[in-house]
């Protein structure tokens, strides 16, 4: 094989390499477009779920506020029941009740 033939082989290898790189770039671009499209779809879904979650959270906060208003009359009773003397008194009653049985 002569030097000229080796030169042509090198040129054809160069052309083949460029063609393969162009094809690979095209596949990469298509893959990137598909990923971008899926990303947009997921982002839309996520934003709709975020809106729904925020609405549920607002509804939960409103319900908690209503519950707090409903429990206001019992707040003093609960504070008294948490006092150590009240707890001791209730335990004493429980011991007497279990001993009487």
PDB file of N, CA and C in Angstrom:
ATOM      1  N   UNK A   1       0.837  -1.152   0.000  1.00  0.00           N
ATOM      2  CA  UNK A   1       0.000   0.000   0.000  1.00  0.00           C
ATOM      3  C   UNK A   1       0.898   1.236   0.000  1.00  0.00           C
ATOM      4  N   UNK A   2       0.540   2.180  -0.825  1.00  0.00           N
ATOM      5  CA  UNK A   2       1.393   3.360  -0.963  1.00  0.00           C
ATOM      6  C   UNK A   2       0.968   4.439   0.016  1.00  0.00           C
ATOM      7  N   UNK A   3       1.787   5.476   0.061  1.00  0.00           N
ATOM      8  CA  UNK A   3       1.475   6.594   0.953  1.00  0.00           C
ATOM      9  C   UNK A   3       0.197   7.307   0.526  1.00  0.00           C
ATOM     10  N   UNK A   4      -0.077   7.358  -0.757  1.00  0.00           N
ATOM     11  CA  UNK A   4      -1.291   8.012  -1.256  1.00  0.00           C
ATOM     12  C   UNK A   4      -2.527   7.238  -0.810  1.00  0.00           C
ATOM     13  N   UNK A   5      -2.435   5.894  -0.877  1.00  0.00           N
ATOM     14  CA  UNK A   5      -3.573   5.080  -0.425  1.00  0.00           C
ATOM     15  C   UNK A   5      -3.815   5.267   1.075  1.00  0.00           C
ATOM     16  N   UNK A   6      -2.759   5.324   1.852  1.00  0.00           N
ATOM     17  CA  UNK A   6      -2.902   5.555   3.292  1.00  0.00           C
ATOM     18  C   UNK A   6      -3.501   6.938   3.557  1.00  0.00           C
ATOM     19  N   UNK A   7      -3.161   7.913   2.723  1.00  0.00           N
ATOM     20  CA  UNK A   7      -3.733   9.251   2.850  1.00  0.00           C
ATOM     21  C   UNK A   7      -5.234   9.228   2.637  1.00  0.00           C
ATOM     22  N   UNK A   8      -5.660   8.457   1.603  1.00  0.00           N
ATOM     23  CA  UNK A   8      -7.097   8.357   1.328  1.00  0.00           C
ATOM     24  C   UNK A   8      -7.823   7.623   2.448  1.00  0.00           C
ATOM     25  N   UNK A   9      -7.206   6.610   2.998  1.00  0.00           N
ATOM     26  CA  UNK A   9      -7.818   5.884   4.117  1.00  0.00           C
ATOM     27  C   UNK A   9      -8.013   6.848   5.295  1.00  0.00           C
ATOM     28  N   UNK A  10      -7.007   7.674   5.549  1.00  0.00           N
ATOM     29  CA  UNK A  10      -7.117   8.659   6.631  1.00  0.00           C
ATOM     30  C   UNK A  10      -8.231   9.655   6.372  1.00  0.00           C
ATOM     31  N   UNK A  11      -8.360  10.098   5.134  1.00  0.00           N
ATOM     32  CA  UNK A  11      -9.420  11.054   4.792  1.00  0.00           C
ATOM     33  C   UNK A  11     -10.795  10.414   4.975  1.00  0.00           C
ATOM     34  N   UNK A  12     -10.937   9.156   4.504  1.00  0.00           N
ATOM     35  CA  UNK A  12     -12.223   8.472   4.649  1.00  0.00           C
ATOM     36  C   UNK A  12     -12.552   8.210   6.120  1.00  0.00           C
ATOM     37  N   UNK A  13     -11.545   7.889   6.912  1.00  0.00           N
ATOM     38  CA  UNK A  13     -11.780   7.719   8.346  1.00  0.00           C
ATOM     39  C   UNK A  13     -12.211   9.038   8.988  1.00  0.00           C
ATOM     40  N   UNK A  14     -11.608  10.121   8.542  1.00  0.00           N
ATOM     41  CA  UNK A  14     -11.985  11.440   9.045  1.00  0.00           C
ATOM     42  C   UNK A  14     -13.435  11.762   8.674  1.00  0.00           C
ATOM     43  N   UNK A  15     -13.810  11.496   7.419  1.00  0.00           N
ATOM     44  CA  UNK A  15     -15.190  11.747   6.958  1.00  0.00           C
ATOM     45  C   UNK A  15     -16.161  10.873   7.736  1.00  0.00           C
ATOM     46  N   UNK A  16     -15.814   9.600   7.910  1.00  0.00           N
ATOM     47  CA  UNK A  16     -16.669   8.676   8.667  1.00  0.00           C
ATOM     48  C   UNK A  16     -16.825   9.162  10.113  1.00  0.00           C
ATOM     49  N   UNK A  17     -15.761   9.597  10.721  1.00  0.00           N
ATOM     50  CA  UNK A  17     -15.810  10.106  12.093  1.00  0.00           C
ATOM     51  C   UNK A  17     -16.700  11.333  12.201  1.00  0.00           C
ATOM     52  N   UNK A  18     -16.593  12.248  11.231  1.00  0.00           N
ATOM     53  CA  UNK A  18     -17.432  13.453  11.238  1.00  0.00           C
ATOM     54  C   UNK A  18     -18.896  13.077  11.080  1.00  0.00           C
ATOM     55  N   UNK A  19     -19.205  12.124  10.188  1.00  0.00           N
ATOM     56  CA  UNK A  19     -20.589  11.689   9.985  1.00  0.00           C
ATOM     57  C   UNK A  19     -21.142  11.073  11.265  1.00  0.00           C
ATOM     58  N   UNK A  20     -20.348  10.235  11.902  1.00  0.00           N
ATOM     59  CA  UNK A  20     -20.791   9.605  13.153  1.00  0.00           C
ATOM     60  C   UNK A  20     -21.026  10.669  14.232  1.00  0.00           C
ATOM     61  N   UNK A  21     -20.148  11.654  14.314  1.00  0.00           N
ATOM     62  CA  UNK A  21     -20.315  12.721  15.304  1.00  0.00           C
ATOM     63  C   UNK A  21     -21.572  13.529  15.019  1.00  0.00           C
ATOM     64  N   UNK A  22     -21.854  13.804  13.743  1.00  0.00           N
ATOM     65  CA  UNK A  22     -23.069  14.554  13.389  1.00  0.00           C
ATOM     66  C   UNK A  22     -24.309  13.750  13.743  1.00  0.00           C
ATOM     67  N   UNK A  23     -24.307  12.452  13.445  1.00  0.00           N
ATOM     68  CA  UNK A  23     -25.455  11.603  13.775  1.00  0.00           C
ATOM     69  C   UNK A  23     -25.647  11.546  15.289  1.00  0.00           C
ATOM     70  N   UNK A  24     -24.555  11.390  16.007  1.00  0.00           N
ATOM     71  CA  UNK A  24     -24.631  11.352  17.470  1.00  0.00           C
ATOM     72  C   UNK A  24     -25.143  12.682  18.025  1.00  0.00           C
ATOM     73  N   UNK A  25     -24.727  13.778  17.446  1.00  0.00           N
ATOM     74  CA  UNK A  25     -25.217  15.088  17.869  1.00  0.00           C
ATOM     75  C   UNK A  25     -26.712  15.234  17.611  1.00  0.00           C
ATOM     76  N   UNK A  26     -27.173  14.710  16.459  1.00  0.00           N
ATOM     77  CA  UNK A  26     -28.608  14.773  16.153  1.00  0.00           C
ATOM     78  C   UNK A  26     -29.407  13.954  17.169  1.00  0.00           C
ATOM     79  N   UNK A  27     -28.916  12.740  17.473  1.00  0.00           N
ATOM     80  CA  UNK A  27     -29.594  11.929  18.490  1.00  0.00           C
ATOM     81  C   UNK A  27     -29.579  12.620  19.852  1.00  0.00           C
ATOM     82  N   UNK A  28     -28.474  13.244  20.172  1.00  0.00           N
ATOM     83  CA  UNK A  28     -28.387  13.984  21.437  1.00  0.00           C
ATOM     84  C   UNK A  28     -29.362  15.145  21.483  1.00  0.00           C
ATOM     85  N   UNK A  29     -29.512  15.847  20.370  1.00  0.00           N
ATOM     86  CA  UNK A  29     -30.451  16.969  20.316  1.00  0.00           C
ATOM     87  C   UNK A  29     -31.893  16.472  20.468  1.00  0.00           C
ATOM     88  N   UNK A  30     -32.225  15.369  19.786  1.00  0.00           N
ATOM     89  CA  UNK A  30     -33.572  14.804  19.911  1.00  0.00           C
ATOM     90  C   UNK A  30     -33.834  14.355  21.344  1.00  0.00           C
ATOM     91  N   UNK A  31     -32.847  13.716  21.938  1.00  0.00           N
ATOM     92  CA  UNK A  31     -32.978  13.253  23.314  1.00  0.00           C
ATOM     93  C   UNK A  31     -33.166  14.445  24.261  1.00  0.00           C
ATOM     94  N   UNK A  32     -32.416  15.497  24.030  1.00  0.00           N
ATOM     95  CA  UNK A  32     -32.555  16.706  24.841  1.00  0.00           C
ATOM     96  C   UNK A  32     -33.922  17.344  24.691  1.00  0.00           C
ATOM     97  N   UNK A  33     -34.460  17.369  23.474  1.00  0.00           N
ATOM     98  CA  UNK A  33     -35.804  17.920  23.259  1.00  0.00           C
ATOM     99  C   UNK A  33     -36.866  17.099  23.980  1.00  0.00           C
ATOM    100  N   UNK A  34     -36.720  15.771  23.922  1.00  0.00           N
ATOM    101  CA  UNK A  34     -37.676  14.905  24.617  1.00  0.00           C
ATOM    102  C   UNK A  34     -37.602  15.115  26.120  1.00  0.00           C
ATOM    103  N   UNK A  35     -36.398  15.247  26.643  1.00  0.00           N
ATOM    104  CA  UNK A  35     -36.246  15.474  28.078  1.00  0.00           C
ATOM    105  C   UNK A  35     -36.847  16.827  28.460  1.00  0.00           C
ATOM    106  N   UNK A  36     -36.648  17.840  27.636  1.00  0.00           N
ATOM    107  CA  UNK A  36     -37.219  19.164  27.914  1.00  0.00           C
ATOM    108  C   UNK A  36     -38.741  19.099  27.906  1.00  0.00           C
ATOM    109  N   UNK A  37     -39.304  18.359  26.958  1.00  0.00           N
ATOM    110  CA  UNK A  37     -40.757  18.229  26.882  1.00  0.00           C
ATOM    111  C   UNK A  37     -41.298  17.510  28.121  1.00  0.00           C
ATOM    112  N   UNK A  38     -40.640  16.423  28.521  1.00  0.00           N
ATOM    113  CA  UNK A  38     -41.071  15.712  29.727  1.00  0.00           C
ATOM    114  C   UNK A  38     -40.911  16.603  30.954  1.00  0.00           C
ATOM    115  N   UNK A  39     -39.876  17.391  30.969  1.00  0.00           N
ATOM    116  CA  UNK A  39     -39.652  18.302  32.093  1.00  0.00           C
ATOM    117  C   UNK A  39     -40.774  19.334  32.185  1.00  0.00           C
ATOM    118  N   UNK A  40     -41.180  19.879  31.060  1.00  0.00           N
ATOM    119  CA  UNK A  40     -42.284  20.839  31.066  1.00  0.00           C
ATOM    120  C   UNK A  40     -43.575  20.175  31.538  1.00  0.00           C
ATOM    121  N   UNK A  41     -43.839  18.964  31.077  1.00  0.00           N
ATOM    122  CA  UNK A  41     -45.039  18.246  31.490  1.00  0.00           C
ATOM    123  C   UNK A  41     -45.028  17.992  32.996  1.00  0.00           C
ATOM    124  N   UNK A  42     -43.893  17.540  33.503  1.00  0.00           N
ATOM    125  CA  UNK A  42     -43.789  17.292  34.936  1.00  0.00           C
ATOM    126  C   UNK A  42     -43.908  18.581  35.739  1.00  0.00           C
ATOM    127  N   UNK A  43     -43.357  19.659  35.215  1.00  0.00           N
ATOM    128  CA  UNK A  43     -43.448  20.943  35.899  1.00  0.00           C
ATOM    129  C   UNK A  43     -44.894  21.425  35.971  1.00  0.00           C
ATOM    130  N   UNK A  44     -45.659  21.241  34.896  1.00  0.00           N
ATOM    131  CA  UNK A  44     -47.077  21.612  34.908  1.00  0.00           C
ATOM    132  C   UNK A  44     -47.849  20.776  35.920  1.00  0.00           C
ATOM    133  N   UNK A  45     -47.563  19.470  35.930  1.00  0.00           N
ATOM    134  CA  UNK A  45     -48.222  18.591  36.893  1.00  0.00           C
ATOM    135  C   UNK A  45     -47.875  18.981  38.320  1.00  0.00           C
ATOM    136  N   UNK A  46     -46.606  19.293  38.532  1.00  0.00           N
ATOM    137  CA  UNK A  46     -46.144  19.670  39.863  1.00  0.00           C
ATOM    138  C   UNK A  46     -46.788  20.973  40.318  1.00  0.00           C
ATOM    139  N   UNK A  47     -46.918  21.928  39.414  1.00  0.00           N
ATOM    140  CA  UNK A  47     -47.537  23.198  39.793  1.00  0.00           C
ATOM    141  C   UNK A  47     -49.020  22.999  40.122  1.00  0.00           C
ATOM    142  N   UNK A  48     -49.718  22.150  39.381  1.00  0.00           N
ATOM    143  CA  UNK A  48     -51.129  21.900  39.702  1.00  0.00           C
ATOM    144  C   UNK A  48     -51.252  21.188  41.046  1.00  0.00           C
ATOM    145  N   UNK A  49     -50.347  20.258  41.330  1.00  0.00           N
ATOM    146  CA  UNK A  49     -50.363  19.586  42.626  1.00  0.00           C
ATOM    147  C   UNK A  49     -50.021  20.566  43.749  1.00  0.00           C
ATOM    148  N   UNK A  50     -49.118  21.485  43.463  1.00  0.00           N
ATOM    149  CA  UNK A  50     -48.742  22.489  44.459  1.00  0.00           C
ATOM    150  C   UNK A  50     -49.946  23.379  44.791  1.00  0.00           C
ATOM    151  N   UNK A  51     -50.719  23.751  43.779  1.00  0.00           N
ATOM    152  CA  UNK A  51     -51.916  24.573  44.003  1.00  0.00           C
ATOM    153  C   UNK A  51     -52.926  23.788  44.834  1.00  0.00           C
ATOM    154  N   UNK A  52     -53.103  22.517  44.493  1.00  0.00           N
ATOM    155  CA  UNK A  52     -54.051  21.686  45.238  1.00  0.00           C
ATOM    156  C   UNK A  52     -53.590  21.504  46.689  1.00  0.00           C
ATOM    157  N   UNK A  53     -52.294  21.304  46.875  1.00  0.00           N
ATOM    158  CA  UNK A  53     -51.747  21.146  48.221  1.00  0.00           C
ATOM    159  C   UNK A  53     -51.910  22.433  49.029  1.00  0.00           C
ATOM    160  N   UNK A  54     -51.692  23.567  48.401  1.00  0.00           N
ATOM    161  CA  UNK A  54     -51.858  24.852  49.094  1.00  0.00           C
ATOM    162  C   UNK A  54     -53.312  25.057  49.499  1.00  0.00           C
ATOM    163  N   UNK A  55     -54.247  24.661  48.632  1.00  0.00           N
ATOM    164  CA  UNK A  55     -55.664  24.782  48.973  1.00  0.00           C
ATOM    165  C   UNK A  55     -56.008  23.876  50.161  1.00  0.00           C
ATOM    166  N   UNK A  56     -55.470  22.651  50.161  1.00  0.00           N
ATOM    167  CA  UNK A  56     -55.704  21.749  51.288  1.00  0.00           C
ATOM    168  C   UNK A  56     -55.098  22.307  52.569  1.00  0.00           C
ATOM    169  N   UNK A  57     -53.929  22.903  52.458  1.00  0.00           N
ATOM    170  CA  UNK A  57     -53.277  23.484  53.627  1.00  0.00           C
ATOM    171  C   UNK A  57     -54.072  24.667  54.170  1.00  0.00           C
ATOM    172  N   UNK A  58     -54.592  25.501  53.290  1.00  0.00           N
ATOM    173  CA  UNK A  58     -55.428  26.624  53.729  1.00  0.00           C
ATOM    174  C   UNK A  58     -56.695  26.122  54.418  1.00  0.00           C
ATOM    175  N   UNK A  59     -57.289  25.080  53.857  1.00  0.00           N
ATOM    176  CA  UNK A  59     -58.497  24.508  54.463  1.00  0.00           C
ATOM    177  C   UNK A  59     -58.177  23.909  55.836  1.00  0.00           C
ATOM    178  N   UNK A  60     -57.015  23.261  55.955  1.00  0.00           N
ATOM    179  CA  UNK A  60     -56.608  22.692  57.239  1.00  0.00           C
ATOM    180  C   UNK A  60     -56.371  23.788  58.274  1.00  0.00           C
ATOM    181  N   UNK A  61     -55.739  24.881  57.861  1.00  0.00           N
ATOM    182  CA  UNK A  61     -55.516  25.996  58.792  1.00  0.00           C
ATOM    183  C   UNK A  61     -56.839  26.595  59.262  1.00  0.00           C
ATOM    184  N   UNK A  62     -57.790  26.723  58.353  1.00  0.00           N
ATOM    185  CA  UNK A  62     -59.109  27.256  58.734  1.00  0.00           C
ATOM    186  C   UNK A  62     -59.799  26.307  59.714  1.00  0.00           C
ATOM    187  N   UNK A  63     -59.698  25.019  59.467  1.00  0.00           N
ATOM    188  CA  UNK A  63     -60.307  24.036  60.363  1.00  0.00           C
ATOM    189  C   UNK A  63     -59.637  24.065  61.732  1.00  0.00           C
ATOM    190  N   UNK A  64     -58.310  24.207  61.739  1.00  0.00           N
ATOM    191  CA  UNK A  64     -57.592  24.287  63.019  1.00  0.00           C
ATOM    192  C   UNK A  64     -58.011  25.542  63.789  1.00  0.00           C
ATOM    193  N   UNK A  65     -58.195  26.647  63.085  1.00  0.00           N
ATOM    194  CA  UNK A  65     -58.636  27.880  63.746  1.00  0.00           C
ATOM    195  C   UNK A  65     -60.041  27.699  64.328  1.00  0.00           C
ATOM    196  N   UNK A  66     -60.922  27.043  63.567  1.00  0.00           N
ATOM    197  CA  UNK A  66     -62.273  26.779  64.072  1.00  0.00           C
ATOM    198  C   UNK A  66     -62.226  25.869  65.290  1.00  0.00           C
ATOM    199  N   UNK A  67     -61.375  24.859  65.247  1.00  0.00           N
ATOM    200  CA  UNK A  67     -61.242  23.937  66.371  1.00  0.00           C
ATOM    201  C   UNK A  67     -60.722  24.664  67.608  1.00  0.00           C
ATOM    202  N   UNK A  68     -59.759  25.542  67.398  1.00  0.00           N
ATOM    203  CA  UNK A  68     -59.222  26.306  68.523  1.00  0.00           C
ATOM    204  C   UNK A  68     -60.302  27.177  69.159  1.00  0.00           C
ATOM    205  N   UNK A  69     -61.150  27.779  68.331  1.00  0.00           N
ATOM    206  CA  UNK A  69     -62.251  28.604  68.862  1.00  0.00           C
ATOM    207  C   UNK A  69     -63.230  27.728  69.629  1.00  0.00           C
ATOM    208  N   UNK A  70     -63.501  26.520  69.123  1.00  0.00           N
ATOM    209  CA  UNK A  70     -64.444  25.633  69.801  1.00  0.00           C
ATOM    210  C   UNK A  70     -63.906  25.145  71.148  1.00  0.00           C
ATOM    211  N   UNK A  71     -62.594  24.963  71.253  1.00  0.00           N
ATOM    212  CA  UNK A  71     -61.997  24.444  72.486  1.00  0.00           C
ATOM    213  C   UNK A  71     -61.687  25.539  73.501  1.00  0.00           C
ATOM    214  N   UNK A  72     -61.893  26.814  73.182  1.00  0.00           N
ATOM    215  CA  UNK A  72     -61.577  27.908  74.096  1.00  0.00           C
ATOM    216  C   UNK A  72     -62.241  27.776  75.467  1.00  0.00           C
ATOM    217  N   UNK A  73     -63.519  27.399  75.544  1.00  0.00           N
ATOM    218  CA  UNK A  73     -64.139  27.288  76.873  1.00  0.00           C
ATOM    219  C   UNK A  73     -63.479  26.232  77.765  1.00  0.00           C
ATOM    220  N   UNK A  74     -62.862  25.246  77.166  1.00  0.00           N
ATOM    221  CA  UNK A  74     -62.264  24.169  77.944  1.00  0.00           C
ATOM    222  C   UNK A  74     -60.790  24.428  78.268  1.00  0.00           C
ATOM    223  N   UNK A  75     -60.240  25.520  77.795  1.00  0.00           N
ATOM    224  CA  UNK A  75     -58.812  25.782  77.981  1.00  0.00           C
ATOM    225  C   UNK A  75     -58.465  25.931  79.457  1.00  0.00           C
ATOM    226  N   UNK A  76     -59.288  26.635  80.218  1.00  0.00           N
ATOM    227  CA  UNK A  76     -59.019  26.817  81.644  1.00  0.00           C
ATOM    228  C   UNK A  76     -59.067  25.472  82.369  1.00  0.00           C
ATOM    229  N   UNK A  77     -60.073  24.658  82.036  1.00  0.00           N
ATOM    230  CA  UNK A  77     -60.185  23.330  82.647  1.00  0.00           C
ATOM    231  C   UNK A  77     -58.952  22.488  82.342  1.00  0.00           C
ATOM    232  N   UNK A  78     -58.480  22.506  81.104  1.00  0.00           N
ATOM    233  CA  UNK A  78     -57.288  21.731  80.744  1.00  0.00           C
ATOM    234  C   UNK A  78     -56.047  22.244  81.468  1.00  0.00           C
ATOM    235  N   UNK A  79     -55.940  23.566  81.638  1.00  0.00           N
ATOM    236  CA  UNK A  79     -54.802  24.102  82.385  1.00  0.00           C
ATOM    237  C   UNK A  79     -54.843  23.636  83.839  1.00  0.00           C
ATOM    238  N   UNK A  80     -56.035  23.643  84.431  1.00  0.00           N
ATOM    239  CA  UNK A  80     -56.166  23.192  85.817  1.00  0.00           C
ATOM    240  C   UNK A  80     -55.831  21.703  85.937  1.00  0.00           C
ATOM    241  N   UNK A  81     -56.259  20.929  84.938  1.00  0.00           N
ATOM    242  CA  UNK A  81     -56.012  19.477  84.999  1.00  0.00           C
ATOM    243  C   UNK A  81     -54.539  19.142  84.831  1.00  0.00           C
ATOM    244  N   UNK A  82     -53.779  20.032  84.251  1.00  0.00           N
ATOM    245  CA  UNK A  82     -52.351  19.779  84.065  1.00  0.00           C
ATOM    246  C   UNK A  82     -51.527  20.225  85.265  1.00  0.00           C
ATOM    247  N   UNK A  83     -52.163  20.868  86.225  1.00  0.00           N
ATOM    248  CA  UNK A  83     -51.450  21.292  87.417  1.00  0.00           C
ATOM    249  C   UNK A  83     -51.059  20.055  88.234  1.00  0.00           C
ATOM    250  N   UNK A  84     -49.873  20.032  88.838  1.00  0.00           N
ATOM    251  CA  UNK A  84     -49.425  18.846  89.575  1.00  0.00           C
ATOM    252  C   UNK A  84     -50.352  18.450  90.729  1.00  0.00           C
ATOM    253  N   UNK A  85     -50.955  19.409  91.391  1.00  0.00           N
ATOM    254  CA  UNK A  85     -51.873  19.060  92.476  1.00  0.00           C
ATOM    255  C   UNK A  85     -53.139  18.392  91.938  1.00  0.00           C
ATOM    256  N   UNK A  86     -53.622  18.868  90.822  1.00  0.00           N
ATOM    257  CA  UNK A  86     -54.805  18.250  90.217  1.00  0.00           C
ATOM    258  C   UNK A  86     -54.486  16.835  89.757  1.00  0.00           C
ATOM    259  N   UNK A  87     -53.321  16.630  89.194  1.00  0.00           N
ATOM    260  CA  UNK A  87     -52.918  15.285  88.761  1.00  0.00           C
ATOM    261  C   UNK A  87     -52.825  14.364  89.972  1.00  0.00           C
ATOM    262  N   UNK A  88     -52.246  14.842  91.066  1.00  0.00           N
ATOM    263  CA  UNK A  88     -52.138  14.024  92.275  1.00  0.00           C
ATOM    264  C   UNK A  88     -53.523  13.685  92.826  1.00  0.00           C
ATOM    265  N   UNK A  89     -54.438  14.646  92.802  1.00  0.00           N
ATOM    266  CA  UNK A  89     -55.793  14.397  93.274  1.00  0.00           C
ATOM    267  C   UNK A  89     -56.483  13.337  92.422  1.00  0.00           C
ATOM    268  N   UNK A  90     -56.356  13.443  91.099  1.00  0.00           N
ATOM    269  CA  UNK A  90     -56.971  12.450  90.206  1.00  0.00           C
ATOM    270  C   UNK A  90     -56.360  11.069  90.410  1.00  0.00           C
ATOM    271  N   UNK A  91     -55.064  11.004  90.671  1.00  0.00           N
ATOM    272  CA  UNK A  91     -54.422   9.716  90.925  1.00  0.00           C
ATOM    273  C   UNK A  91     -54.912   9.134  92.252  1.00  0.00           C
ATOM    274  N   UNK A  92     -55.112   9.986  93.218  1.00  0.00           N
ATOM    275  CA  UNK A  92     -55.637   9.528  94.504  1.00  0.00           C
ATOM    276  C   UNK A  92     -57.036   8.947  94.339  1.00  0.00           C
ATOM    277  N   UNK A  93     -57.880   9.656  93.587  1.00  0.00           N
ATOM    278  CA  UNK A  93     -59.222   9.128  93.324  1.00  0.00           C
ATOM    279  C   UNK A  93     -59.146   7.793  92.590  1.00  0.00           C
ATOM    280  N   UNK A  94     -58.220   7.676  91.631  1.00  0.00           N
ATOM    281  CA  UNK A  94     -58.083   6.433  90.870  1.00  0.00           C
ATOM    282  C   UNK A  94     -57.647   5.289  91.783  1.00  0.00           C
ATOM    283  N   UNK A  95     -56.732   5.562  92.725  1.00  0.00           N
ATOM    284  CA  UNK A  95     -56.294   4.513  93.659  1.00  0.00           C
ATOM    285  C   UNK A  95     -57.448   4.090  94.566  1.00  0.00           C
ATOM    286  N   UNK A  96     -58.204   5.058  95.062  1.00  0.00           N
ATOM    287  CA  UNK A  96     -59.337   4.730  95.940  1.00  0.00           C
ATOM    288  C   UNK A  96     -60.385   3.928  95.182  1.00  0.00           C
ATOM    289  N   UNK A  97     -60.621   4.307  93.940  1.00  0.00           N
ATOM    290  CA  UNK A  97     -61.631   3.615  93.132  1.00  0.00           C
ATOM    291  C   UNK A  97     -61.195   2.189  92.838  1.00  0.00           C
ATOM    292  N   UNK A  98     -59.892   1.999  92.515  1.00  0.00           N
ATOM    293  CA  UNK A  98     -59.424   0.634  92.228  1.00  0.00           C
ATOM    294  C   UNK A  98     -59.355  -0.208  93.495  1.00  0.00           C
ATOM    295  N   UNK A  99     -59.106   0.408  94.653  1.00  0.00           N
ATOM    296  CA  UNK A  99     -59.070  -0.334  95.904  1.00  0.00           C
ATOM    297  C   UNK A  99     -60.472  -0.741  96.329  1.00  0.00           C
ATOM    298  N   UNK A 100     -61.471   0.068  95.992  1.00  0.00           N
ATOM    299  CA  UNK A 100     -62.848  -0.228  96.374  1.00  0.00           C
ATOM    300  C   UNK A 100     -63.424  -1.352  95.531  1.00  0.00           C
ATOM    301  N   UNK A 101     -62.869  -1.614  94.445  1.00  0.00           N
ATOM    302  CA  UNK A 101     -63.422  -2.661  93.549  1.00  0.00           C
ATOM    303  C   UNK A 101     -63.061  -3.977  94.027  1.00  0.00           C
TER     304      UNK A 101
END
